[in-house]
Amino acid sequence: MSLFRWFCLAGVAAGCAISSASFAAAENMDRFFLLGAGEVKGIYFPIASEICRSINRHSLAHGWRCGIAASSGSKENLQQLEDGTLTFAVIQSNIALSSSSIDGNQPLFKTVASLHSEPVHLLVQARSSISSLDDLGRALINIGDQSSGTRDIALSLLDAAGIKKEDYQLLDYDAGSQAGRLCDGDVDALIWVSGIRNSSTAEAYRRCDVRLLPIPIAIAAKVMQQMPGLLPIVIPADTYLGQTVEVSSFGPVAQVVASANAPEELVALLTRAIVGDLGDVRPSHPALSNLSQADLRRMLSNDVK
């Protein structure tokens, strides 16, 4: 099992009357679970933080406490779900579809909710001679950690574009350092799958002159055909400081999933923290800002409504 960092956000209960039901719940406060997020500078982490914060705020009432497990991304989260370390995780929809069962029969997890879309961000310095996907031959390309969901999509994208493996060099800087590496000239291009207005891309736009390159529709279609769970996405103009035109792309949808063994009462509790009487996940990140409460409710899994 790979190492990971986890953070427990304590619930707050002060200056209020506690009912007998709350006392009973408080006696069972050892009911603790972990929610797998991604890198701290990614979007999954603040989403997971908000969900845990909502649950822990009411922990005296229901007796559960939630902790956040930071990770390198969807693939590590999936591994942690499988070995029982995590009870819930945020993962990419394409990874969810390709890994929905252990042996073809036994479900590995159940989907709780679908959240925001996560376009491929292909980013270069503005002064770079790279003007399209076809120009990535002989480039130093950062595609993130080997346990991240970005890597599989990036490799499929390069293959669909007809760029041979021997013609480029792959790097694995994480989300926290990749913007600085691009601006310092240590990498020629970033391929990064994340929600709109993610902090890593925003940091690159703040630190130096950069450009988002469009993904040609025909090439995106090839990747989507090979990898179910991806969809066309447009990054709107003015999403990032200095980005004046919309950019065509594609990518997965972020999904909250539960271990197949998660108690039904806990799955229902998490649903209420995503959109319900316990909380609302939408303020946690701008990537979710365009979703209405009705949108979130429509995207809740039929298994947990």
C-alpha atoms as a PDB file:
ATOM      1  CA  MET A   1       0.000   0.000   0.000  1.00  0.00           C
ATOM      2  CA  SER A   2       1.447   3.384  -0.945  1.00  0.00           C
ATOM      3  CA  LEU A   3       1.946   6.058   1.633  1.00  0.00           C
ATOM      4  CA  PHE A   4      -0.549   8.874   1.830  1.00  0.00           C
ATOM      5  CA  ARG A   5      -1.305  11.840   4.023  1.00  0.00           C
ATOM      6  CA  TRP A   6      -4.597  12.211   5.824  1.00  0.00           C
ATOM      7  CA  PHE A   7      -6.120  15.069   7.684  1.00  0.00           C
ATOM      8  CA  CYS A   8      -9.031  14.832  10.101  1.00  0.00           C
ATOM      9  CA  LEU A   9     -11.231  17.901  10.339  1.00  0.00           C
ATOM     10  CA  ALA A  10     -12.799  17.958  13.771  1.00  0.00           C
ATOM     11  CA  GLY A  11     -16.470  18.655  14.162  1.00  0.00           C
ATOM     12  CA  VAL A  12     -17.585  21.780  16.008  1.00  0.00           C
ATOM     13  CA  ALA A  13     -20.139  21.633  18.792  1.00  0.00           C
ATOM     14  CA  ALA A  14     -20.166  24.402  21.362  1.00  0.00           C
ATOM     15  CA  GLY A  15     -22.726  26.472  23.215  1.00  0.00           C
ATOM     16  CA  CYS A  16     -25.673  24.252  22.290  1.00  0.00           C
ATOM     17  CA  ALA A  17     -28.037  21.906  24.040  1.00  0.00           C
ATOM     18  CA  ILE A  18     -27.335  18.220  23.424  1.00  0.00           C
ATOM     19  CA  SER A  19     -30.246  15.827  23.148  1.00  0.00           C
ATOM     20  CA  SER A  20     -30.273  12.254  24.438  1.00  0.00           C
ATOM     21  CA  ALA A  21     -29.889  11.077  20.833  1.00  0.00           C
ATOM     22  CA  SER A  22     -26.777  13.233  20.533  1.00  0.00           C
ATOM     23  CA  PHE A  23     -25.352  11.698  23.713  1.00  0.00           C
ATOM     24  CA  ALA A  24     -25.935   8.237  22.253  1.00  0.00           C
ATOM     25  CA  ALA A  25     -24.189   9.243  19.036  1.00  0.00           C
ATOM     26  CA  ALA A  26     -21.330  10.823  20.972  1.00  0.00           C
ATOM     27  CA  GLU A  27     -20.711   7.518  22.772  1.00  0.00           C
ATOM     28  CA  ASN A  28     -20.042   5.964  19.352  1.00  0.00           C
ATOM     29  CA  MET A  29     -17.607   8.565  18.069  1.00  0.00           C
ATOM     30  CA  ASP A  30     -15.093   5.900  17.072  1.00  0.00           C
ATOM     31  CA  ARG A  31     -17.057   5.528  13.825  1.00  0.00           C
ATOM     32  CA  PHE A  32     -14.434   7.134  11.630  1.00  0.00           C
ATOM     33  CA  PHE A  33     -13.954   6.882   7.858  1.00  0.00           C
ATOM     34  CA  LEU A  34     -11.596   8.267   5.214  1.00  0.00           C
ATOM     35  CA  LEU A  35     -12.576  10.115   2.042  1.00  0.00           C
ATOM     36  CA  GLY A  36      -9.894   9.931  -0.663  1.00  0.00           C
ATOM     37  CA  ALA A  37      -9.074  13.243  -2.338  1.00  0.00           C
ATOM     38  CA  GLY A  38      -6.259  14.129  -4.724  1.00  0.00           C
ATOM     39  CA  GLU A  39      -3.306  16.458  -4.503  1.00  0.00           C
ATOM     40  CA  VAL A  40      -3.699  19.411  -2.171  1.00  0.00           C
ATOM     41  CA  LYS A  41      -3.431  21.877  -5.088  1.00  0.00           C
ATOM     42  CA  GLY A  42      -6.026  20.005  -7.121  1.00  0.00           C
ATOM     43  CA  ILE A  43      -9.816  20.318  -7.039  1.00  0.00           C
ATOM     44  CA  TYR A  44     -10.668  17.030  -5.340  1.00  0.00           C
ATOM     45  CA  PHE A  45      -9.046  18.142  -2.094  1.00  0.00           C
ATOM     46  CA  PRO A  46     -11.226  21.214  -1.382  1.00  0.00           C
ATOM     47  CA  ILE A  47     -14.322  19.235  -2.417  1.00  0.00           C
ATOM     48  CA  ALA A  48     -13.441  16.428  -0.001  1.00  0.00           C
ATOM     49  CA  SER A  49     -12.640  19.007   2.673  1.00  0.00           C
ATOM     50  CA  GLU A  50     -16.073  20.592   2.363  1.00  0.00           C
ATOM     51  CA  ILE A  51     -17.849  17.222   2.498  1.00  0.00           C
ATOM     52  CA  CYS A  52     -15.917  16.209   5.632  1.00  0.00           C
ATOM     53  CA  ARG A  53     -16.452  19.616   7.199  1.00  0.00           C
ATOM     54  CA  SER A  54     -20.209  19.301   6.739  1.00  0.00           C
ATOM     55  CA  ILE A  55     -20.271  15.797   8.238  1.00  0.00           C
ATOM     56  CA  ASN A  56     -18.013  16.662  11.169  1.00  0.00           C
ATOM     57  CA  ARG A  57     -20.037  19.779  11.947  1.00  0.00           C
ATOM     58  CA  HIS A  58     -22.952  17.468  12.831  1.00  0.00           C
ATOM     59  CA  SER A  59     -20.945  14.576  14.275  1.00  0.00           C
ATOM     60  CA  LEU A  60     -22.627  14.722  17.680  1.00  0.00           C
ATOM     61  CA  ALA A  61     -25.967  14.116  15.990  1.00  0.00           C
ATOM     62  CA  HIS A  62     -25.020  11.121  13.842  1.00  0.00           C
ATOM     63  CA  GLY A  63     -21.854   9.754  15.456  1.00  0.00           C
ATOM     64  CA  TRP A  64     -19.584   9.689  12.384  1.00  0.00           C
ATOM     65  CA  ARG A  65     -16.281  11.484  11.832  1.00  0.00           C
ATOM     66  CA  CYS A  66     -14.710  12.075   8.422  1.00  0.00           C
ATOM     67  CA  GLY A  67     -11.027  12.369   7.527  1.00  0.00           C
ATOM     68  CA  ILE A  68      -9.446  13.401   4.227  1.00  0.00           C
ATOM     69  CA  ALA A  69      -6.751  11.311   2.544  1.00  0.00           C
ATOM     70  CA  ALA A  70      -4.573  13.317   0.160  1.00  0.00           C
ATOM     71  CA  SER A  71      -3.248  11.238  -2.733  1.00  0.00           C
ATOM     72  CA  SER A  72      -1.628  11.419  -6.138  1.00  0.00           C
ATOM     73  CA  GLY A  73      -5.026  11.060  -7.833  1.00  0.00           C
ATOM     74  CA  SER A  74      -7.778   8.763  -9.045  1.00  0.00           C
ATOM     75  CA  LYS A  75      -5.725   5.598  -9.542  1.00  0.00           C
ATOM     76  CA  GLU A  76      -4.263   5.707  -6.036  1.00  0.00           C
ATOM     77  CA  ASN A  77      -7.720   6.451  -4.634  1.00  0.00           C
ATOM     78  CA  LEU A  78      -9.046   3.384  -6.418  1.00  0.00           C
ATOM     79  CA  GLN A  79      -6.284   1.202  -4.961  1.00  0.00           C
ATOM     80  CA  GLN A  80      -7.063   2.518  -1.477  1.00  0.00           C
ATOM     81  CA  LEU A  81     -10.764   1.750  -1.970  1.00  0.00           C
ATOM     82  CA  GLU A  82      -9.927  -1.790  -3.023  1.00  0.00           C
ATOM     83  CA  ASP A  83      -7.667  -2.517  -0.041  1.00  0.00           C
ATOM     84  CA  GLY A  84     -10.189  -1.056   2.404  1.00  0.00           C
ATOM     85  CA  THR A  85      -8.190   1.984   3.502  1.00  0.00           C
ATOM     86  CA  LEU A  86     -10.786   4.355   2.061  1.00  0.00           C
ATOM     87  CA  THR A  87     -14.554   4.217   2.427  1.00  0.00           C
ATOM     88  CA  PHE A  88     -15.207   6.952  -0.145  1.00  0.00           C
ATOM     89  CA  ALA A  89     -13.148   8.619  -2.862  1.00  0.00           C
ATOM     90  CA  VAL A  90     -13.339  11.175  -5.653  1.00  0.00           C
ATOM     91  CA  ILE A  91     -12.238   9.629  -8.968  1.00  0.00           C
ATOM     92  CA  GLN A  92     -12.485  10.279 -12.697  1.00  0.00           C
ATOM     93  CA  SER A  93     -15.474   8.816 -14.544  1.00  0.00           C
ATOM     94  CA  ASN A  94     -13.327   6.949 -17.086  1.00  0.00           C
ATOM     95  CA  ILE A  95     -11.423   5.206 -14.294  1.00  0.00           C
ATOM     96  CA  ALA A  96     -14.688   4.428 -12.544  1.00  0.00           C
ATOM     97  CA  LEU A  97     -16.068   2.766 -15.681  1.00  0.00           C
ATOM     98  CA  SER A  98     -12.932   0.760 -16.378  1.00  0.00           C
ATOM     99  CA  SER A  99     -12.610  -0.464 -12.777  1.00  0.00           C
ATOM    100  CA  SER A 100     -16.199  -0.941 -11.606  1.00  0.00           C
ATOM    101  CA  SER A 101     -15.704  -4.585 -10.621  1.00  0.00           C
ATOM    102  CA  ILE A 102     -12.987  -6.796  -9.187  1.00  0.00           C
ATOM    103  CA  ASP A 103     -13.645  -9.977 -11.167  1.00  0.00           C
ATOM    104  CA  GLY A 104     -16.426  -8.971 -13.545  1.00  0.00           C
ATOM    105  CA  ASN A 105     -19.105  -9.875 -11.005  1.00  0.00           C
ATOM    106  CA  GLN A 106     -18.311  -8.378  -7.626  1.00  0.00           C
ATOM    107  CA  PRO A 107     -18.746  -4.563  -7.573  1.00  0.00           C
ATOM    108  CA  LEU A 108     -15.703  -2.706  -6.297  1.00  0.00           C
ATOM    109  CA  PHE A 109     -17.647   0.448  -5.462  1.00  0.00           C
ATOM    110  CA  LYS A 110     -20.932   2.264  -6.003  1.00  0.00           C
ATOM    111  CA  THR A 111     -21.331   5.750  -7.429  1.00  0.00           C
ATOM    112  CA  VAL A 112     -22.678   8.327  -4.991  1.00  0.00           C
ATOM    113  CA  ALA A 113     -22.685  11.448  -7.185  1.00  0.00           C
ATOM    114  CA  SER A 114     -21.255  12.983 -10.350  1.00  0.00           C
ATOM    115  CA  LEU A 115     -19.838  16.488  -9.977  1.00  0.00           C
ATOM    116  CA  HIS A 116     -17.925  18.756 -12.387  1.00  0.00           C
ATOM    117  CA  SER A 117     -16.323  18.089 -15.775  1.00  0.00           C
ATOM    118  CA  GLU A 118     -12.522  17.900 -15.977  1.00  0.00           C
ATOM    119  CA  PRO A 119     -11.089  19.046 -19.313  1.00  0.00           C
ATOM    120  CA  VAL A 120      -7.608  18.223 -20.544  1.00  0.00           C
ATOM    121  CA  HIS A 121      -5.470  21.352 -20.149  1.00  0.00           C
ATOM    122  CA  LEU A 122      -2.629  21.450 -22.716  1.00  0.00           C
ATOM    123  CA  LEU A 123      -0.461  24.343 -21.603  1.00  0.00           C
ATOM    124  CA  VAL A 124       2.729  25.877 -23.064  1.00  0.00           C
ATOM    125  CA  GLN A 125       4.626  29.131 -22.658  1.00  0.00           C
ATOM    126  CA  ALA A 126       3.295  31.875 -24.924  1.00  0.00           C
ATOM    127  CA  ARG A 127       6.721  32.286 -26.544  1.00  0.00           C
ATOM    128  CA  SER A 128       6.976  28.555 -27.279  1.00  0.00           C
ATOM    129  CA  SER A 129       7.234  27.302 -30.862  1.00  0.00           C
ATOM    130  CA  ILE A 130       4.645  24.675 -29.914  1.00  0.00           C
ATOM    131  CA  SER A 131       1.384  25.900 -31.423  1.00  0.00           C
ATOM    132  CA  SER A 132      -0.608  22.677 -31.622  1.00  0.00           C
ATOM    133  CA  LEU A 133      -0.749  19.115 -30.352  1.00  0.00           C
ATOM    134  CA  ASP A 134       1.202  17.985 -33.435  1.00  0.00           C
ATOM    135  CA  ASP A 135       4.217  20.024 -32.299  1.00  0.00           C
ATOM    136  CA  LEU A 136       4.806  17.977 -29.135  1.00  0.00           C
ATOM    137  CA  GLY A 137       7.333  15.708 -30.831  1.00  0.00           C
ATOM    138  CA  ARG A 138      10.768  16.107 -29.150  1.00  0.00           C
ATOM    139  CA  ALA A 139       9.165  18.057 -26.299  1.00  0.00           C
ATOM    140  CA  LEU A 140       9.597  17.648 -22.548  1.00  0.00           C
ATOM    141  CA  ILE A 141       6.005  16.934 -21.476  1.00  0.00           C
ATOM    142  CA  ASN A 142       4.778  16.804 -17.905  1.00  0.00           C
ATOM    143  CA  ILE A 143       1.884  14.365 -17.417  1.00  0.00           C
ATOM    144  CA  GLY A 144       1.910  14.014 -13.630  1.00  0.00           C
ATOM    145  CA  ASP A 145       2.357  11.186 -11.190  1.00  0.00           C
ATOM    146  CA  GLN A 146       2.045   7.584 -12.353  1.00  0.00           C
ATOM    147  CA  SER A 147      -0.874   7.071  -9.951  1.00  0.00           C
ATOM    148  CA  SER A 148      -2.828  10.022 -11.315  1.00  0.00           C
ATOM    149  CA  GLY A 149      -5.713   9.781 -13.751  1.00  0.00           C
ATOM    150  CA  THR A 150      -4.067  12.394 -15.985  1.00  0.00           C
ATOM    151  CA  ARG A 151      -1.333  10.037 -17.114  1.00  0.00           C
ATOM    152  CA  ASP A 152      -3.518   7.455 -18.898  1.00  0.00           C
ATOM    153  CA  ILE A 153      -5.475  10.126 -20.754  1.00  0.00           C
ATOM    154  CA  ALA A 154      -2.285  11.998 -21.724  1.00  0.00           C
ATOM    155  CA  LEU A 155      -0.656   8.854 -23.135  1.00  0.00           C
ATOM    156  CA  SER A 156      -3.799   8.000 -25.107  1.00  0.00           C
ATOM    157  CA  LEU A 157      -3.927  11.570 -26.427  1.00  0.00           C
ATOM    158  CA  LEU A 158      -0.326  11.499 -27.638  1.00  0.00           C
ATOM    159  CA  ASP A 159      -0.901   8.116 -29.264  1.00  0.00           C
ATOM    160  CA  ALA A 160      -4.102   9.310 -30.990  1.00  0.00           C
ATOM    161  CA  ALA A 161      -2.159  12.298 -32.341  1.00  0.00           C
ATOM    162  CA  GLY A 162       0.358   9.928 -33.924  1.00  0.00           C
ATOM    163  CA  ILE A 163       3.277  11.141 -31.815  1.00  0.00           C
ATOM    164  CA  LYS A 164       5.747   8.304 -31.289  1.00  0.00           C
ATOM    165  CA  LYS A 165       6.996   7.523 -27.795  1.00  0.00           C
ATOM    166  CA  GLU A 166      10.620   7.882 -28.838  1.00  0.00           C
ATOM    167  CA  ASP A 167       9.932  11.444 -30.000  1.00  0.00           C
ATOM    168  CA  TYR A 168       9.159  12.971 -26.624  1.00  0.00           C
ATOM    169  CA  GLN A 169      10.258  12.756 -22.995  1.00  0.00           C
ATOM    170  CA  LEU A 170       7.750  12.370 -20.180  1.00  0.00           C
ATOM    171  CA  LEU A 171       8.124  14.040 -16.783  1.00  0.00           C
ATOM    172  CA  ASP A 172       6.134  13.445 -13.611  1.00  0.00           C
ATOM    173  CA  TYR A 173       6.080  16.698 -11.632  1.00  0.00           C
ATOM    174  CA  ASP A 174       3.049  16.999  -9.373  1.00  0.00           C
ATOM    175  CA  ALA A 175       0.338  19.661  -9.461  1.00  0.00           C
ATOM    176  CA  GLY A 176       2.067  21.703  -6.799  1.00  0.00           C
ATOM    177  CA  SER A 177       5.250  22.231  -8.834  1.00  0.00           C
ATOM    178  CA  GLN A 178       4.288  21.878 -12.495  1.00  0.00           C
ATOM    179  CA  ALA A 179       3.327  25.545 -13.072  1.00  0.00           C
ATOM    180  CA  GLY A 180       6.679  26.723 -11.757  1.00  0.00           C
ATOM    181  CA  ARG A 181       8.517  24.123 -13.862  1.00  0.00           C
ATOM    182  CA  LEU A 182       6.751  25.346 -17.007  1.00  0.00           C
ATOM    183  CA  CYS A 183       7.466  29.000 -16.304  1.00  0.00           C
ATOM    184  CA  ASP A 184      11.111  28.242 -15.444  1.00  0.00           C
ATOM    185  CA  GLY A 185      11.562  26.372 -18.726  1.00  0.00           C
ATOM    186  CA  ASP A 186      12.122  22.957 -17.146  1.00  0.00           C
ATOM    187  CA  VAL A 187       9.262  21.506 -19.206  1.00  0.00           C
ATOM    188  CA  ASP A 188       7.953  22.450 -22.646  1.00  0.00           C
ATOM    189  CA  ALA A 189       4.308  21.510 -22.127  1.00  0.00           C
ATOM    190  CA  LEU A 190       1.874  20.384 -19.444  1.00  0.00           C
ATOM    191  CA  ILE A 191      -0.956  17.933 -20.005  1.00  0.00           C
ATOM    192  CA  TRP A 192      -3.180  18.213 -16.968  1.00  0.00           C
ATOM    193  CA  VAL A 193      -6.686  16.830 -16.433  1.00  0.00           C
ATOM    194  CA  SER A 194      -8.549  18.947 -13.909  1.00  0.00           C
ATOM    195  CA  GLY A 195     -11.670  21.019 -13.400  1.00  0.00           C
ATOM    196  CA  ILE A 196     -12.073  24.488 -14.808  1.00  0.00           C
ATOM    197  CA  ARG A 197     -10.329  27.213 -12.770  1.00  0.00           C
ATOM    198  CA  ASN A 198      -7.974  24.731 -11.118  1.00  0.00           C
ATOM    199  CA  SER A 199      -5.254  26.389  -9.048  1.00  0.00           C
ATOM    200  CA  SER A 200      -2.297  24.860 -10.924  1.00  0.00           C
ATOM    201  CA  THR A 201      -3.311  26.292 -14.305  1.00  0.00           C
ATOM    202  CA  ALA A 202      -4.292  29.593 -12.664  1.00  0.00           C
ATOM    203  CA  GLU A 203      -0.840  29.749 -11.064  1.00  0.00           C
ATOM    204  CA  ALA A 204       0.857  29.270 -14.438  1.00  0.00           C
ATOM    205  CA  TYR A 205      -1.155  32.133 -15.935  1.00  0.00           C
ATOM    206  CA  ARG A 206      -0.183  34.378 -13.010  1.00  0.00           C
ATOM    207  CA  ARG A 207       3.516  33.514 -13.047  1.00  0.00           C
ATOM    208  CA  CYS A 208       4.335  33.807 -16.755  1.00  0.00           C
ATOM    209  CA  ASP A 209       2.849  34.214 -20.219  1.00  0.00           C
ATOM    210  CA  VAL A 210       1.244  30.904 -21.170  1.00  0.00           C
ATOM    211  CA  ARG A 211      -1.245  29.570 -23.717  1.00  0.00           C
ATOM    212  CA  LEU A 212      -3.865  26.851 -23.576  1.00  0.00           C
ATOM    213  CA  LEU A 213      -3.877  24.857 -26.809  1.00  0.00           C
ATOM    214  CA  PRO A 214      -7.083  23.348 -28.228  1.00  0.00           C
ATOM    215  CA  ILE A 215      -7.472  19.606 -28.644  1.00  0.00           C
ATOM    216  CA  PRO A 216      -8.633  18.848 -32.215  1.00  0.00           C
ATOM    217  CA  ILE A 217     -12.097  17.291 -32.230  1.00  0.00           C
ATOM    218  CA  ALA A 218     -11.025  14.347 -34.411  1.00  0.00           C
ATOM    219  CA  ILE A 219      -8.198  13.408 -32.043  1.00  0.00           C
ATOM    220  CA  ALA A 220     -10.382  13.855 -28.959  1.00  0.00           C
ATOM    221  CA  ALA A 221     -12.949  11.554 -30.594  1.00  0.00           C
ATOM    222  CA  LYS A 222     -10.334   8.819 -30.978  1.00  0.00           C
ATOM    223  CA  VAL A 223      -9.445   8.966 -27.306  1.00  0.00           C
ATOM    224  CA  MET A 224     -13.099   9.054 -26.244  1.00  0.00           C
ATOM    225  CA  GLN A 225     -13.773   5.961 -28.344  1.00  0.00           C
ATOM    226  CA  GLN A 226     -10.920   4.114 -26.636  1.00  0.00           C
ATOM    227  CA  MET A 227     -11.742   5.305 -23.117  1.00  0.00           C
ATOM    228  CA  PRO A 228     -15.449   5.275 -22.122  1.00  0.00           C
ATOM    229  CA  GLY A 229     -16.431   7.913 -19.591  1.00  0.00           C
ATOM    230  CA  LEU A 230     -14.946  10.921 -21.415  1.00  0.00           C
ATOM    231  CA  LEU A 231     -16.921  13.715 -23.080  1.00  0.00           C
ATOM    232  CA  PRO A 232     -16.278  16.885 -25.150  1.00  0.00           C
ATOM    233  CA  ILE A 233     -15.689  19.979 -22.995  1.00  0.00           C
ATOM    234  CA  VAL A 234     -15.077  23.649 -23.780  1.00  0.00           C
ATOM    235  CA  ILE A 235     -12.935  25.799 -21.495  1.00  0.00           C
ATOM    236  CA  PRO A 236     -14.708  29.186 -21.685  1.00  0.00           C
ATOM    237  CA  ALA A 237     -12.843  32.385 -22.532  1.00  0.00           C
ATOM    238  CA  ASP A 238     -11.638  34.334 -19.482  1.00  0.00           C
ATOM    239  CA  THR A 239     -11.533  31.221 -17.310  1.00  0.00           C
ATOM    240  CA  TYR A 240      -7.922  32.141 -16.506  1.00  0.00           C
ATOM    241  CA  LEU A 241      -6.253  35.545 -16.328  1.00  0.00           C
ATOM    242  CA  GLY A 242      -5.199  36.482 -19.868  1.00  0.00           C
ATOM    243  CA  GLN A 243      -7.014  33.611 -21.597  1.00  0.00           C
ATOM    244  CA  THR A 244      -9.170  35.523 -24.059  1.00  0.00           C
ATOM    245  CA  VAL A 245     -10.558  32.765 -26.303  1.00  0.00           C
ATOM    246  CA  GLU A 246     -12.463  29.582 -25.580  1.00  0.00           C
ATOM    247  CA  VAL A 247     -10.526  26.338 -25.910  1.00  0.00           C
ATOM    248  CA  SER A 248     -11.952  23.045 -27.148  1.00  0.00           C
ATOM    249  CA  SER A 249     -11.027  19.991 -25.124  1.00  0.00           C
ATOM    250  CA  PHE A 250     -12.432  16.801 -23.629  1.00  0.00           C
ATOM    251  CA  GLY A 251     -12.190  14.881 -20.383  1.00  0.00           C
ATOM    252  CA  PRO A 252     -13.906  12.945 -17.630  1.00  0.00           C
ATOM    253  CA  VAL A 253     -16.390  13.914 -14.922  1.00  0.00           C
ATOM    254  CA  ALA A 254     -15.419  13.856 -11.252  1.00  0.00           C
ATOM    255  CA  GLN A 255     -17.407  11.273  -9.323  1.00  0.00           C
ATOM    256  CA  VAL A 256     -17.785  10.537  -5.629  1.00  0.00           C
ATOM    257  CA  VAL A 257     -17.806   6.780  -5.112  1.00  0.00           C
ATOM    258  CA  ALA A 258     -18.297   4.541  -2.083  1.00  0.00           C
ATOM    259  CA  SER A 259     -16.751   1.191  -1.238  1.00  0.00           C
ATOM    260  CA  ALA A 260     -19.110  -1.674  -1.998  1.00  0.00           C
ATOM    261  CA  ASN A 261     -18.991  -2.446   1.739  1.00  0.00           C
ATOM    262  CA  ALA A 262     -19.868   1.065   2.932  1.00  0.00           C
ATOM    263  CA  PRO A 263     -22.886   1.067   5.300  1.00  0.00           C
ATOM    264  CA  GLU A 264     -26.031   2.375   3.636  1.00  0.00           C
ATOM    265  CA  GLU A 265     -26.612   4.869   6.446  1.00  0.00           C
ATOM    266  CA  LEU A 266     -23.140   6.320   5.838  1.00  0.00           C
ATOM    267  CA  VAL A 267     -23.661   6.553   2.065  1.00  0.00           C
ATOM    268  CA  ALA A 268     -26.926   8.407   2.717  1.00  0.00           C
ATOM    269  CA  LEU A 269     -25.113  10.698   5.173  1.00  0.00           C
ATOM    270  CA  LEU A 270     -22.464  11.582   2.607  1.00  0.00           C
ATOM    271  CA  THR A 271     -25.178  12.326   0.046  1.00  0.00           C
ATOM    272  CA  ARG A 272     -26.781  14.767   2.472  1.00  0.00           C
ATOM    273  CA  ALA A 273     -23.384  16.488   2.870  1.00  0.00           C
ATOM    274  CA  ILE A 274     -22.971  16.870  -0.908  1.00  0.00           C
ATOM    275  CA  VAL A 275     -26.376  18.434  -1.454  1.00  0.00           C
ATOM    276  CA  GLY A 276     -28.898  18.294   1.340  1.00  0.00           C
ATOM    277  CA  ASP A 277     -29.674  19.354   4.865  1.00  0.00           C
ATOM    278  CA  LEU A 278     -26.103  18.794   6.102  1.00  0.00           C
ATOM    279  CA  GLY A 279     -24.245  20.796   3.484  1.00  0.00           C
ATOM    280  CA  ASP A 280     -23.691  21.953  -0.070  1.00  0.00           C
ATOM    281  CA  VAL A 281     -20.445  21.139  -1.853  1.00  0.00           C
ATOM    282  CA  ARG A 282     -20.788  23.792  -4.566  1.00  0.00           C
ATOM    283  CA  PRO A 283     -19.021  26.682  -2.734  1.00  0.00           C
ATOM    284  CA  SER A 284     -15.921  24.516  -2.242  1.00  0.00           C
ATOM    285  CA  HIS A 285     -14.470  25.362  -5.676  1.00  0.00           C
ATOM    286  CA  PRO A 286     -15.358  27.553  -8.700  1.00  0.00           C
ATOM    287  CA  ALA A 287     -15.448  24.425 -10.903  1.00  0.00           C
ATOM    288  CA  LEU A 288     -18.799  23.623  -9.273  1.00  0.00           C
ATOM    289  CA  SER A 289     -20.167  27.158  -9.318  1.00  0.00           C
ATOM    290  CA  ASN A 290     -22.309  26.691 -12.422  1.00  0.00           C
ATOM    291  CA  LEU A 291     -24.138  23.695 -10.961  1.00  0.00           C
ATOM    292  CA  SER A 292     -27.549  24.376  -9.471  1.00  0.00           C
ATOM    293  CA  GLN A 293     -28.820  22.364  -6.531  1.00  0.00           C
ATOM    294  CA  ALA A 294     -31.199  20.683  -8.972  1.00  0.00           C
ATOM    295  CA  ASP A 295     -28.205  19.767 -11.179  1.00  0.00           C
ATOM    296  CA  LEU A 296     -26.469  18.071  -8.266  1.00  0.00           C
ATOM    297  CA  ARG A 297     -29.624  16.231  -7.284  1.00  0.00           C
ATOM    298  CA  ARG A 298     -30.066  14.970 -10.847  1.00  0.00           C
ATOM    299  CA  MET A 299     -26.498  13.655 -10.812  1.00  0.00           C
ATOM    300  CA  LEU A 300     -26.905  11.719  -7.580  1.00  0.00           C
ATOM    301  CA  SER A 301     -26.718   7.999  -8.221  1.00  0.00           C
ATOM    302  CA  ASN A 302     -30.075   6.219  -8.387  1.00  0.00           C
ATOM    303  CA  ASP A 303     -28.641   3.807  -5.824  1.00  0.00           C
ATOM    304  CA  VAL A 304     -28.459   6.453  -3.110  1.00  0.00           C
ATOM    305  CA  LYS A 305     -31.283   8.895  -3.809  1.00  0.00           C
END
